[in-house]
N, C-alpha and C. Protein backbone atom coordinates (compact mmCIF):
# COMPACT_ATOMS: atom_id res chain seq x y z
N UNK A 1 -0.56 97.89 182.08
CA UNK A 1 -0.09 99.31 182.27
C UNK A 1 0.63 99.65 183.18
N UNK A 2 1.55 101.01 182.90
CA UNK A 2 2.76 101.21 183.81
C UNK A 2 2.20 101.74 184.99
N UNK A 3 3.35 101.24 186.08
CA UNK A 3 2.84 101.85 187.39
C UNK A 3 3.08 103.17 187.53
N UNK A 4 2.57 104.12 187.94
CA UNK A 4 2.72 105.61 187.71
C UNK A 4 4.09 105.79 188.55
N UNK A 5 4.90 106.72 187.82
CA UNK A 5 6.47 106.78 188.24
C UNK A 5 6.62 107.73 189.49
N UNK A 6 7.65 107.60 190.13
CA UNK A 6 8.03 108.29 191.04
C UNK A 6 9.47 108.50 191.14
N UNK A 7 10.01 109.93 191.04
CA UNK A 7 11.27 110.62 191.31
C UNK A 7 11.88 110.65 192.55
N UNK A 8 12.84 110.10 193.20
CA UNK A 8 13.17 110.29 194.78
C UNK A 8 14.48 110.84 194.57
N UNK A 9 14.99 111.89 195.68
CA UNK A 9 16.36 112.16 195.88
C UNK A 9 16.44 111.86 197.37
N UNK A 10 17.20 111.20 197.63
CA UNK A 10 17.35 110.61 198.88
C UNK A 10 19.04 111.21 199.52
N UNK A 11 19.07 112.16 200.32
CA UNK A 11 20.29 112.52 200.94
C UNK A 11 21.35 113.15 199.88
N UNK A 12 20.73 113.72 198.93
CA UNK A 12 21.36 113.83 197.40
C UNK A 12 22.56 114.82 198.13
N UNK A 13 23.75 114.75 197.55
CA UNK A 13 24.72 115.97 197.55
C UNK A 13 25.66 115.78 196.38
N UNK A 14 26.45 117.01 196.41
CA UNK A 14 27.14 117.22 195.06
C UNK A 14 28.28 118.14 195.56
N UNK A 15 29.46 117.78 195.09
CA UNK A 15 31.00 118.73 195.23
C UNK A 15 31.33 119.09 194.02
N UNK A 16 32.07 120.02 193.95
CA UNK A 16 32.46 120.25 192.43
C UNK A 16 33.92 121.29 192.54
N UNK A 17 35.07 120.95 192.11
CA UNK A 17 36.16 121.72 192.48
C UNK A 17 36.87 121.57 193.82
N UNK A 18 36.23 120.60 194.53
CA UNK A 18 36.66 120.68 196.12
C UNK A 18 35.50 121.43 196.78
N UNK A 19 34.79 122.00 196.43
CA UNK A 19 33.86 122.80 197.12
C UNK A 19 32.12 122.18 197.05
N UNK A 20 31.94 121.95 198.40
CA UNK A 20 30.43 121.48 198.51
C UNK A 20 29.29 122.41 197.99
N UNK A 21 28.59 121.91 197.06
CA UNK A 21 27.40 122.67 196.41
C UNK A 21 26.12 122.51 197.22
N UNK A 22 25.76 121.72 197.32
CA UNK A 22 24.65 121.27 198.31
C UNK A 22 24.76 119.78 198.75
N UNK A 23 24.02 119.63 199.78
CA UNK A 23 23.82 118.38 200.62
C UNK A 23 22.71 117.90 201.08
N UNK A 24 22.43 116.82 201.54
CA UNK A 24 21.07 116.30 202.03
C UNK A 24 19.98 116.69 201.33
N UNK A 25 19.86 116.56 200.08
CA UNK A 25 18.49 117.06 199.58
C UNK A 25 17.86 115.97 199.37
N UNK A 26 16.63 115.82 200.10
CA UNK A 26 15.61 114.90 199.93
C UNK A 26 14.06 115.30 199.40
N UNK A 27 13.84 114.75 198.42
CA UNK A 27 12.79 115.15 197.71
C UNK A 27 12.09 113.80 196.94
N UNK A 28 10.62 114.11 196.82
CA UNK A 28 9.86 112.94 196.15
C UNK A 28 8.85 113.31 195.06
N UNK A 29 9.02 113.22 193.60
CA UNK A 29 8.06 113.79 193.03
C UNK A 29 7.27 112.63 192.35
N UNK A 30 6.39 112.90 192.10
CA UNK A 30 5.15 111.79 191.81
C UNK A 30 4.54 112.25 190.28
N UNK A 31 4.16 111.43 189.96
CA UNK A 31 3.28 111.39 188.49
C UNK A 31 2.31 112.52 188.36
N UNK A 32 2.58 113.31 187.38
CA UNK A 32 1.64 114.53 187.21
C UNK A 32 2.03 115.75 187.83
N UNK A 33 3.16 115.74 188.46
CA UNK A 33 3.81 116.93 189.07
C UNK A 33 5.00 117.32 188.31
N UNK A 34 5.26 118.70 188.65
CA UNK A 34 6.52 119.03 188.18
C UNK A 34 7.49 119.82 189.31
N UNK A 35 9.02 119.61 189.34
CA UNK A 35 9.67 120.17 190.44
C UNK A 35 10.53 121.52 189.58
N UNK A 36 10.69 122.44 190.35
CA UNK A 36 10.93 123.73 190.09
C UNK A 36 12.28 123.87 190.61
N UNK A 37 13.48 123.46 190.35
CA UNK A 37 14.69 123.64 191.17
C UNK A 37 15.06 125.28 190.95
N UNK A 38 15.10 125.64 192.14
CA UNK A 38 15.52 127.41 191.98
C UNK A 38 17.11 127.34 193.05
N UNK A 39 17.73 128.40 193.04
CA UNK A 39 18.47 128.94 193.53
C UNK A 39 19.50 130.02 192.90
N UNK A 40 20.40 130.73 193.58
CA UNK A 40 21.39 131.60 192.60
C UNK A 40 22.15 130.93 191.98
N UNK A 41 22.69 131.50 191.11
CA UNK A 41 23.80 130.98 190.16
C UNK A 41 25.05 130.62 190.90
N UNK A 42 25.40 129.33 190.33
CA UNK A 42 26.68 128.63 191.15
C UNK A 42 26.35 127.65 192.26
N UNK A 43 24.86 127.56 192.41
CA UNK A 43 24.30 126.82 193.52
C UNK A 43 24.41 125.36 193.35
N UNK A 44 24.60 125.07 192.12
CA UNK A 44 24.48 123.49 191.60
C UNK A 44 23.15 123.02 191.20
N UNK A 45 21.99 124.10 190.69
CA UNK A 45 21.02 123.52 189.68
C UNK A 45 21.41 122.59 188.76
N UNK A 46 22.33 123.03 187.85
CA UNK A 46 22.65 122.25 186.55
C UNK A 46 23.24 120.85 186.78
N UNK A 47 24.26 120.71 187.80
CA UNK A 47 24.96 119.68 188.52
C UNK A 47 23.80 118.72 188.80
N UNK A 48 22.75 119.31 189.52
CA UNK A 48 21.79 118.25 190.02
C UNK A 48 20.92 117.71 188.93
N UNK A 49 20.42 118.45 187.84
CA UNK A 49 20.03 117.91 186.88
C UNK A 49 20.90 117.00 185.97
N UNK A 50 22.21 117.12 185.92
CA UNK A 50 22.90 116.31 185.17
C UNK A 50 23.27 114.94 185.81
N UNK A 51 23.06 114.92 187.29
CA UNK A 51 23.04 113.76 188.08
C UNK A 51 21.78 113.06 187.89
N UNK A 52 20.74 113.80 187.69
CA UNK A 52 19.58 112.88 187.38
C UNK A 52 19.45 112.26 186.17
N UNK A 53 20.05 112.79 185.27
CA UNK A 53 19.95 112.43 183.69
C UNK A 53 21.17 111.36 183.64
N UNK A 54 22.04 111.33 184.60
CA UNK A 54 23.05 110.28 184.58
C UNK A 54 24.38 110.62 183.92
N UNK A 55 24.47 111.77 183.55
CA UNK A 55 25.55 112.53 182.94
C UNK A 55 26.73 112.87 183.91
N UNK A 56 26.50 112.90 185.33
CA UNK A 56 27.14 113.47 185.97
C UNK A 56 27.08 112.36 187.11
N UNK A 57 28.31 111.77 187.87
CA UNK A 57 28.19 110.83 189.13
C UNK A 57 27.47 111.39 190.12
N UNK A 58 26.76 110.37 191.02
CA UNK A 58 26.32 110.87 192.07
C UNK A 58 27.29 111.42 193.33
N UNK A 59 27.13 112.37 193.94
CA UNK A 59 28.27 112.76 195.01
C UNK A 59 28.08 111.87 196.02
N UNK A 60 26.90 112.17 196.47
CA UNK A 60 26.70 111.64 198.04
C UNK A 60 25.00 111.20 197.84
N UNK A 61 24.59 110.35 198.37
CA UNK A 61 23.02 109.87 198.38
C UNK A 61 22.82 109.07 197.16
N UNK A 62 21.36 109.17 196.93
CA UNK A 62 20.81 108.43 195.73
C UNK A 62 19.91 109.13 194.93
N UNK A 63 19.55 108.75 193.88
CA UNK A 63 18.55 109.04 193.07
C UNK A 63 17.98 107.90 192.83
N UNK A 64 16.32 107.77 192.88
CA UNK A 64 15.56 106.69 192.71
C UNK A 64 14.66 106.64 191.84
N UNK A 65 14.37 105.98 190.80
CA UNK A 65 13.26 105.98 189.72
C UNK A 65 12.21 104.63 190.53
N UNK A 66 11.12 104.96 190.51
CA UNK A 66 10.26 103.88 191.04
C UNK A 66 10.91 103.16 192.30
N UNK A 67 11.38 103.64 193.08
CA UNK A 67 11.87 103.00 194.13
C UNK A 67 13.20 102.35 194.09
N UNK A 68 13.80 102.41 193.06
CA UNK A 68 15.09 101.62 192.42
C UNK A 68 16.28 102.54 191.95
N UNK A 69 17.49 102.50 192.72
CA UNK A 69 18.56 103.47 192.10
C UNK A 69 18.72 103.56 190.57
N UNK A 70 19.00 104.42 190.16
CA UNK A 70 18.89 105.10 188.57
C UNK A 70 20.15 104.10 188.13
N UNK A 71 21.40 103.82 188.96
CA UNK A 71 22.49 103.19 188.41
C UNK A 71 22.36 101.78 188.05
N UNK A 72 21.27 101.09 188.85
CA UNK A 72 21.04 99.67 188.72
C UNK A 72 19.96 99.39 187.44
N UNK A 73 19.48 100.60 186.97
CA UNK A 73 18.55 100.35 186.07
C UNK A 73 18.79 101.15 184.50
N UNK A 74 19.72 101.31 184.57
CA UNK A 74 20.32 102.53 183.54
C UNK A 74 19.35 102.52 182.27
N UNK A 75 19.46 101.33 181.60
CA UNK A 75 19.04 101.19 180.45
C UNK A 75 17.48 101.45 180.48
N UNK A 76 16.82 100.85 181.44
CA UNK A 76 15.32 101.01 181.37
C UNK A 76 14.93 102.63 181.67
N UNK A 77 15.95 103.28 182.76
CA UNK A 77 15.74 104.33 183.32
C UNK A 77 15.61 105.56 181.89
N UNK A 78 16.68 105.32 181.16
CA UNK A 78 17.31 106.43 180.13
C UNK A 78 15.75 106.44 179.22
N UNK A 79 15.27 105.10 179.01
CA UNK A 79 14.19 104.89 178.03
C UNK A 79 13.28 106.00 178.35
N UNK A 80 13.01 106.05 179.65
CA UNK A 80 11.99 106.85 180.58
C UNK A 80 12.43 108.42 180.55
N UNK A 81 13.40 108.77 180.19
CA UNK A 81 14.16 109.99 180.29
C UNK A 81 14.23 110.87 179.06
N UNK A 82 13.89 111.84 179.05
CA UNK A 82 14.13 113.15 177.93
C UNK A 82 14.73 114.40 178.42
N UNK A 83 16.10 114.43 178.22
CA UNK A 83 16.65 115.74 178.93
C UNK A 83 16.78 116.88 177.48
N UNK A 84 16.53 118.10 177.93
CA UNK A 84 17.11 118.96 177.08
C UNK A 84 17.55 120.11 177.94
N UNK A 85 19.12 120.36 177.59
CA UNK A 85 19.84 121.55 178.16
C UNK A 85 19.57 122.64 177.85
N UNK A 86 20.26 123.81 177.96
CA UNK A 86 20.09 125.00 177.66
C UNK A 86 20.69 125.27 176.18
N UNK A 87 21.66 124.42 175.77
CA UNK A 87 22.36 124.09 174.43
C UNK A 87 21.26 123.33 173.66
N UNK A 88 20.98 123.52 172.13
CA UNK A 88 20.13 122.83 171.47
C UNK A 88 20.34 121.57 170.94
N UNK A 89 21.74 121.42 170.92
CA UNK A 89 22.54 119.89 170.84
C UNK A 89 21.96 119.59 169.07
N UNK A 90 21.59 120.44 168.36
CA UNK A 90 21.41 120.04 167.00
C UNK A 90 22.72 120.21 165.98
N UNK A 91 22.54 119.48 164.85
CA UNK A 91 23.31 119.55 163.66
C UNK A 91 23.07 120.38 162.85
N UNK A 92 24.06 121.43 162.68
CA UNK A 92 23.53 122.67 161.86
C UNK A 92 23.60 122.38 160.34
N UNK A 93 24.24 120.93 159.98
CA UNK A 93 24.40 121.07 158.39
C UNK A 93 23.25 119.79 157.92
N UNK A 94 22.68 119.80 159.13
CA UNK A 94 21.32 118.63 158.55
C UNK A 94 20.15 119.49 158.66
N UNK A 95 19.05 119.16 157.83
CA UNK A 95 17.95 119.70 157.67
C UNK A 95 17.10 119.71 159.39
N UNK A 96 16.01 120.28 159.34
CA UNK A 96 15.26 120.19 160.45
C UNK A 96 14.62 118.69 160.47
N UNK A 97 14.15 118.13 159.51
CA UNK A 97 13.38 116.88 159.51
C UNK A 97 14.63 115.82 159.85
N UNK A 98 15.81 115.88 159.20
CA UNK A 98 17.03 115.18 159.63
C UNK A 98 17.24 115.07 161.11
N UNK A 99 17.43 116.12 161.69
CA UNK A 99 17.59 116.40 162.94
C UNK A 99 16.37 115.41 163.69
N UNK A 100 15.48 115.68 163.56
CA UNK A 100 14.39 115.12 164.66
C UNK A 100 14.41 113.63 164.26
N UNK A 101 14.53 113.07 163.11
CA UNK A 101 14.68 111.88 162.55
C UNK A 101 15.85 111.00 163.13
N UNK A 102 17.16 111.77 163.23
CA UNK A 102 18.13 111.26 163.63
C UNK A 102 18.32 111.18 165.51
N UNK A 103 17.70 112.32 166.09
CA UNK A 103 17.67 112.49 167.62
C UNK A 103 16.50 110.97 168.05
N UNK A 104 15.20 110.90 167.36
CA UNK A 104 14.78 109.97 167.55
C UNK A 104 15.17 108.56 167.47
N UNK A 105 15.74 108.38 166.24
CA UNK A 105 16.46 107.26 166.34
C UNK A 105 17.41 106.59 167.18
N UNK A 106 18.11 107.77 167.86
CA UNK A 106 18.92 107.53 169.11
C UNK A 106 18.16 106.72 169.94
N UNK A 107 16.94 107.19 170.32
CA UNK A 107 16.31 106.42 171.45
C UNK A 107 15.66 105.37 171.31
N UNK A 108 15.60 104.81 169.83
CA UNK A 108 15.34 104.03 169.70
C UNK A 108 13.91 103.76 168.89
N UNK A 109 13.34 104.97 168.39
CA UNK A 109 12.60 105.02 167.81
C UNK A 109 12.40 105.61 166.60
N UNK A 110 11.22 105.15 165.71
CA UNK A 110 11.26 105.84 164.32
C UNK A 110 9.81 106.73 164.30
N UNK A 111 10.08 107.69 163.28
CA UNK A 111 8.59 108.61 163.19
C UNK A 111 8.58 108.91 161.54
N UNK A 112 7.37 109.06 161.37
CA UNK A 112 7.14 109.20 159.80
C UNK A 112 6.98 110.60 159.59
N UNK A 113 6.98 110.98 158.19
CA UNK A 113 6.83 112.39 157.89
C UNK A 113 5.63 112.99 158.29
N UNK A 114 4.41 112.26 158.48
CA UNK A 114 3.45 112.75 158.78
C UNK A 114 3.27 113.47 160.30
N UNK A 115 4.01 112.49 161.16
CA UNK A 115 4.06 113.15 162.53
C UNK A 115 5.06 114.05 162.73
N UNK A 116 6.06 114.33 162.14
CA UNK A 116 7.03 115.15 162.18
C UNK A 116 6.42 116.45 161.33
N UNK A 117 5.45 116.69 160.47
CA UNK A 117 4.91 117.67 160.16
C UNK A 117 3.74 118.55 161.24
N UNK A 118 3.34 117.04 161.69
CA UNK A 118 1.92 117.96 162.61
C UNK A 118 2.92 118.15 164.00
N UNK A 119 4.46 117.89 164.37
CA UNK A 119 5.18 118.67 165.46
C UNK A 119 5.42 119.72 165.12
N UNK A 120 6.00 119.74 164.01
CA UNK A 120 6.57 121.30 163.47
C UNK A 120 5.75 122.34 163.38
N UNK A 121 4.35 121.95 163.05
CA UNK A 121 3.09 122.76 162.96
C UNK A 121 2.90 123.39 164.22
N UNK A 122 2.79 122.71 165.30
CA UNK A 122 2.68 122.88 166.59
C UNK A 122 3.63 123.83 166.89
N UNK A 123 4.75 123.87 166.78
CA UNK A 123 5.70 124.60 167.28
C UNK A 123 5.92 126.15 166.39
N UNK A 124 4.95 126.19 165.41
CA UNK A 124 5.22 127.16 164.53
C UNK A 124 6.29 127.08 163.25
N UNK A 125 6.55 125.70 162.97
CA UNK A 125 7.91 125.70 162.27
C UNK A 125 7.39 125.10 160.86
N UNK A 126 5.91 125.40 160.44
CA UNK A 126 5.51 124.77 159.57
C UNK A 126 6.27 125.02 158.10
N UNK A 127 6.62 124.05 157.14
CA UNK A 127 7.12 124.26 155.83
C UNK A 127 9.18 124.65 156.19
N UNK A 128 9.28 124.23 157.20
CA UNK A 128 10.93 124.36 157.70
C UNK A 128 11.42 123.15 157.76
N UNK A 129 10.64 121.99 157.57
CA UNK A 129 11.39 120.52 157.70
C UNK A 129 12.46 120.46 156.88
N UNK A 130 12.75 120.99 155.48
CA UNK A 130 13.64 120.89 154.62
C UNK A 130 14.96 121.85 154.90
N UNK A 131 14.64 122.93 155.63
CA UNK A 131 15.77 123.79 155.74
C UNK A 131 16.81 123.28 156.60
N UNK A 132 18.01 123.88 156.25
CA UNK A 132 18.96 123.31 156.82
C UNK A 132 19.06 124.38 158.47
N UNK A 133 19.46 123.60 159.65
CA UNK A 133 19.05 124.22 160.83
C UNK A 133 19.96 125.60 160.82
N UNK A 134 21.09 125.56 160.11
CA UNK A 134 22.22 126.71 160.27
C UNK A 134 21.43 127.95 159.62
N UNK A 135 20.31 127.79 158.61
CA UNK A 135 19.83 129.02 158.25
C UNK A 135 18.42 129.41 159.17
N UNK A 136 18.48 128.80 160.44
CA UNK A 136 17.19 129.44 161.03
C UNK A 136 17.72 130.19 162.01
N UNK A 137 16.58 131.01 162.61
CA UNK A 137 16.96 132.02 163.64
C UNK A 137 17.24 131.17 164.91
N UNK A 138 17.88 131.83 165.98
CA UNK A 138 18.23 131.11 167.31
C UNK A 138 16.67 130.80 167.82
N UNK A 139 15.60 131.70 167.60
CA UNK A 139 14.47 131.38 168.28
C UNK A 139 13.69 130.10 167.63
N UNK A 140 13.80 129.90 166.31
CA UNK A 140 13.50 128.49 165.62
C UNK A 140 14.23 127.83 165.79
N UNK A 141 15.45 127.73 166.04
CA UNK A 141 16.42 126.46 166.42
C UNK A 141 16.28 126.17 167.74
N UNK A 142 15.71 126.64 168.71
CA UNK A 142 15.26 126.57 170.21
C UNK A 142 14.04 125.63 170.00
N UNK A 143 13.00 125.97 169.03
CA UNK A 143 11.75 125.54 168.79
C UNK A 143 11.94 124.11 168.27
N UNK A 144 12.67 123.89 167.34
CA UNK A 144 13.11 122.56 166.90
C UNK A 144 13.77 121.89 167.98
N UNK A 145 14.78 122.23 168.87
CA UNK A 145 15.09 121.21 170.03
C UNK A 145 14.05 121.13 170.92
N UNK A 146 13.00 122.08 171.41
CA UNK A 146 11.92 121.61 171.95
C UNK A 146 10.86 120.64 171.44
N UNK A 147 10.84 120.79 170.05
CA UNK A 147 9.84 119.85 169.47
C UNK A 147 10.03 118.30 169.68
N UNK A 148 11.42 117.97 170.27
CA UNK A 148 11.73 116.41 170.55
C UNK A 148 10.77 116.06 171.44
N UNK A 149 10.48 117.08 172.43
CA UNK A 149 9.57 116.54 173.71
C UNK A 149 8.36 115.89 173.18
N UNK A 150 7.84 116.75 172.15
CA UNK A 150 6.42 116.18 171.65
C UNK A 150 6.66 114.64 171.15
N UNK A 151 8.03 114.58 170.59
CA UNK A 151 7.88 112.82 169.91
C UNK A 151 8.46 111.96 170.87
N UNK A 152 8.53 112.33 171.96
CA UNK A 152 9.36 111.68 173.00
C UNK A 152 8.38 110.76 173.93
N UNK A 153 8.26 109.63 174.03
CA UNK A 153 7.62 108.74 175.00
C UNK A 153 7.81 108.88 176.66
N UNK A 154 9.04 109.37 176.65
CA UNK A 154 9.45 109.22 178.07
C UNK A 154 8.93 109.79 178.92
N UNK A 155 8.48 109.32 180.41
CA UNK A 155 7.84 109.93 181.43
C UNK A 155 8.48 110.88 182.05
N UNK A 156 9.64 111.00 182.26
CA UNK A 156 10.45 112.08 182.77
C UNK A 156 11.23 113.21 181.85
N UNK A 157 10.65 114.56 182.00
CA UNK A 157 11.26 115.41 181.42
C UNK A 157 12.24 116.12 182.38
N UNK A 158 13.47 116.51 182.02
CA UNK A 158 14.17 117.04 182.59
C UNK A 158 15.05 118.36 181.84
N UNK A 159 14.46 119.53 182.21
CA UNK A 159 14.54 120.85 181.48
C UNK A 159 15.52 122.06 181.97
N UNK A 160 16.59 122.25 181.62
CA UNK A 160 17.62 123.04 181.96
C UNK A 160 17.38 124.29 181.13
N UNK A 161 17.13 125.28 181.73
CA UNK A 161 16.70 126.67 181.09
C UNK A 161 15.91 126.44 179.74
N UNK A 162 14.88 126.08 179.65
CA UNK A 162 13.94 125.43 178.17
C UNK A 162 13.33 126.62 177.81
N UNK A 163 13.30 127.65 178.48
CA UNK A 163 12.63 129.11 177.73
C UNK A 163 13.87 129.72 177.16
N UNK A 164 14.91 129.75 176.97
CA UNK A 164 16.03 130.41 176.32
C UNK A 164 15.69 130.72 175.04
N UNK A 165 15.89 131.97 174.80
CA UNK A 165 15.79 132.44 173.03
C UNK A 165 14.15 132.27 172.61
N UNK A 166 13.23 131.94 173.60
CA UNK A 166 12.03 131.80 173.19
C UNK A 166 11.11 133.31 173.43
N UNK A 167 10.52 133.45 172.25
CA UNK A 167 9.46 134.53 172.88
C UNK A 167 8.34 134.31 173.48
N UNK A 168 7.34 135.50 173.63
CA UNK A 168 6.21 135.09 174.44
C UNK A 168 5.28 134.07 174.30
N UNK A 169 5.14 134.14 172.69
CA UNK A 169 4.37 132.89 172.10
C UNK A 169 4.81 131.38 172.52
N UNK A 170 6.18 131.58 172.13
CA UNK A 170 7.01 130.15 172.41
C UNK A 170 6.80 129.90 173.71
N UNK A 171 7.09 130.67 174.83
CA UNK A 171 7.00 130.27 176.17
C UNK A 171 5.94 129.60 176.47
N UNK A 172 4.61 130.12 176.10
CA UNK A 172 3.30 129.47 176.36
C UNK A 172 3.03 128.39 175.64
N UNK A 173 3.69 128.24 174.39
CA UNK A 173 3.58 126.96 173.81
C UNK A 173 4.25 125.74 174.61
N UNK A 174 5.44 125.78 175.16
CA UNK A 174 6.22 125.16 175.86
C UNK A 174 5.26 124.80 177.12
N UNK A 175 5.02 125.91 177.76
CA UNK A 175 4.24 125.39 179.18
C UNK A 175 3.10 124.72 178.85
N UNK A 176 2.37 125.08 177.76
CA UNK A 176 0.85 124.34 177.46
C UNK A 176 1.57 122.87 177.35
N UNK A 177 2.85 122.46 176.39
CA UNK A 177 3.46 120.98 175.99
C UNK A 177 3.72 120.54 177.45
N UNK A 178 4.24 121.16 178.13
CA UNK A 178 4.78 120.61 179.67
C UNK A 178 3.31 120.03 180.33
N UNK A 179 2.24 121.10 180.57
CA UNK A 179 1.09 120.85 181.09
C UNK A 179 0.22 119.52 180.88
N UNK A 180 0.27 119.52 179.33
CA UNK A 180 -0.32 118.11 178.61
C UNK A 180 0.40 116.95 179.13
N UNK A 181 1.77 117.29 179.40
CA UNK A 181 2.59 115.91 179.56
C UNK A 181 2.12 115.54 181.19
N UNK A 182 2.19 116.55 181.90
CA UNK A 182 1.60 116.07 183.29
C UNK A 182 0.55 115.62 183.56
N UNK A 183 -0.59 116.09 182.63
CA UNK A 183 -1.74 115.76 182.93
C UNK A 183 -2.17 114.29 182.22
N UNK A 184 -1.21 113.83 181.55
CA UNK A 184 -1.01 112.40 181.12
C UNK A 184 -0.33 111.28 182.02
N UNK A 185 0.24 111.94 183.15
CA UNK A 185 0.74 111.22 184.08
C UNK A 185 2.40 111.47 183.99
N UNK A 186 2.88 112.24 183.35
CA UNK A 186 4.37 112.51 183.25
C UNK A 186 4.74 113.54 184.62
N UNK A 187 6.25 113.46 184.28
CA UNK A 187 6.91 114.07 185.57
C UNK A 187 7.92 115.37 185.05
N UNK A 188 7.98 116.12 185.33
CA UNK A 188 9.24 117.60 184.87
C UNK A 188 9.89 117.70 186.01
N UNK A 189 11.14 117.95 185.67
CA UNK A 189 12.33 118.77 186.61
C UNK A 189 12.78 119.98 185.77
N UNK A 190 12.48 121.22 186.28
CA UNK A 190 12.55 122.19 185.43
C UNK A 190 13.65 123.07 186.40
N UNK A 191 14.51 123.31 185.55
CA UNK A 191 15.31 125.04 186.26
C UNK A 191 15.31 126.06 185.40
N UNK A 192 15.04 127.32 185.29
CA UNK A 192 14.96 128.34 184.47
C UNK A 192 14.67 129.72 185.62
N UNK A 193 15.34 130.74 184.53
CA UNK A 193 15.42 132.21 185.38
C UNK A 193 14.02 132.70 185.44
N UNK A 194 13.20 132.39 184.55
CA UNK A 194 11.85 132.62 184.23
C UNK A 194 10.84 131.93 185.06
N UNK A 195 10.12 132.53 185.55
CA UNK A 195 9.06 131.92 186.63
C UNK A 195 7.60 131.63 185.75
N UNK A 196 7.69 130.73 185.02
CA UNK A 196 6.35 130.35 184.21
C UNK A 196 5.78 129.63 184.55
N UNK A 197 4.16 129.76 184.90
CA UNK A 197 3.40 128.81 185.33
C UNK A 197 3.15 127.74 184.39
N UNK A 198 2.73 126.39 184.66
CA UNK A 198 2.66 125.32 184.07
C UNK A 198 1.16 125.18 184.09
N UNK A 199 0.26 125.59 183.36
CA UNK A 199 -1.13 125.34 183.32
C UNK A 199 -1.84 125.86 184.73
N UNK A 200 -2.83 124.88 185.76
CA UNK A 200 -3.16 125.34 186.89
C UNK A 200 -2.43 124.14 188.09
N UNK A 201 -1.28 123.73 187.65
CA UNK A 201 -0.46 123.02 188.03
C UNK A 201 0.81 123.44 189.08
N UNK A 202 0.60 123.50 190.47
CA UNK A 202 1.55 124.38 191.06
C UNK A 202 2.93 123.54 191.26
N UNK A 203 3.82 124.44 191.31
CA UNK A 203 5.18 124.02 191.23
C UNK A 203 5.52 123.29 192.46
N UNK A 204 6.22 122.08 192.47
CA UNK A 204 6.90 121.76 193.82
C UNK A 204 7.97 122.13 193.85
N UNK A 205 8.51 122.91 194.70
CA UNK A 205 9.81 123.86 194.68
C UNK A 205 10.78 123.02 195.47
N UNK A 206 12.22 123.18 194.84
CA UNK A 206 13.36 122.77 195.70
C UNK A 206 14.43 123.93 195.30
N UNK A 207 14.60 124.52 196.23
CA UNK A 207 15.49 125.93 196.54
C UNK A 207 16.87 125.34 197.04
N UNK A 208 17.85 125.32 196.37
CA UNK A 208 19.17 124.79 196.62
C UNK A 208 20.00 126.07 197.30
N UNK A 209 20.45 125.89 198.38
CA UNK A 209 20.87 127.15 199.48
C UNK A 209 22.36 126.84 199.20
N UNK A 210 23.06 127.98 199.20
CA UNK A 210 24.63 128.40 199.50
C UNK A 210 24.94 127.79 200.76
N UNK A 211 26.22 127.02 200.38
CA UNK A 211 26.58 126.44 202.02
C UNK A 211 27.72 127.06 202.37
């Protein structure tokens, strides 16, 4: 059994375009908890999430996964990570099922049609597996993008504006999915303009300040 995971920010800092966005951010997130990253626009929320995902270099300080810097265990860390940005990242010319198959294959996993159908039904997309993504509404596209979370074994979910283009039912569905993930010992880092409760699990707050 794997050791319960821990994510740590140690004196984390970020500069962009010659301007310091934030500095000396210290935070530890443990299994079963979620971190809500807050702050005004332009303060560096997305930049922080991109550093957590290894998509941007760390300006100062360090990010540790289970006590080890993420750059020292990149392959193992990325197997434990699932990132969803505010863009859907879907191939419009592919079907819903092809998109999910392709995305999971990139993570080194395979899924069967039965598993795909189960997930799509959960996300209100029953009967849409063979439909081209370009023919879906924006809300349906968002649900396809979010359904990859249910197919991922990653213990750390990093979600940038996950509720974009979601109706009330979709928002609750996603919140319940995140709550299930946390109850299984996962972690989540979330930034969103919508303050959505995640079950009865209180958010651990990290509010970035304008320098």
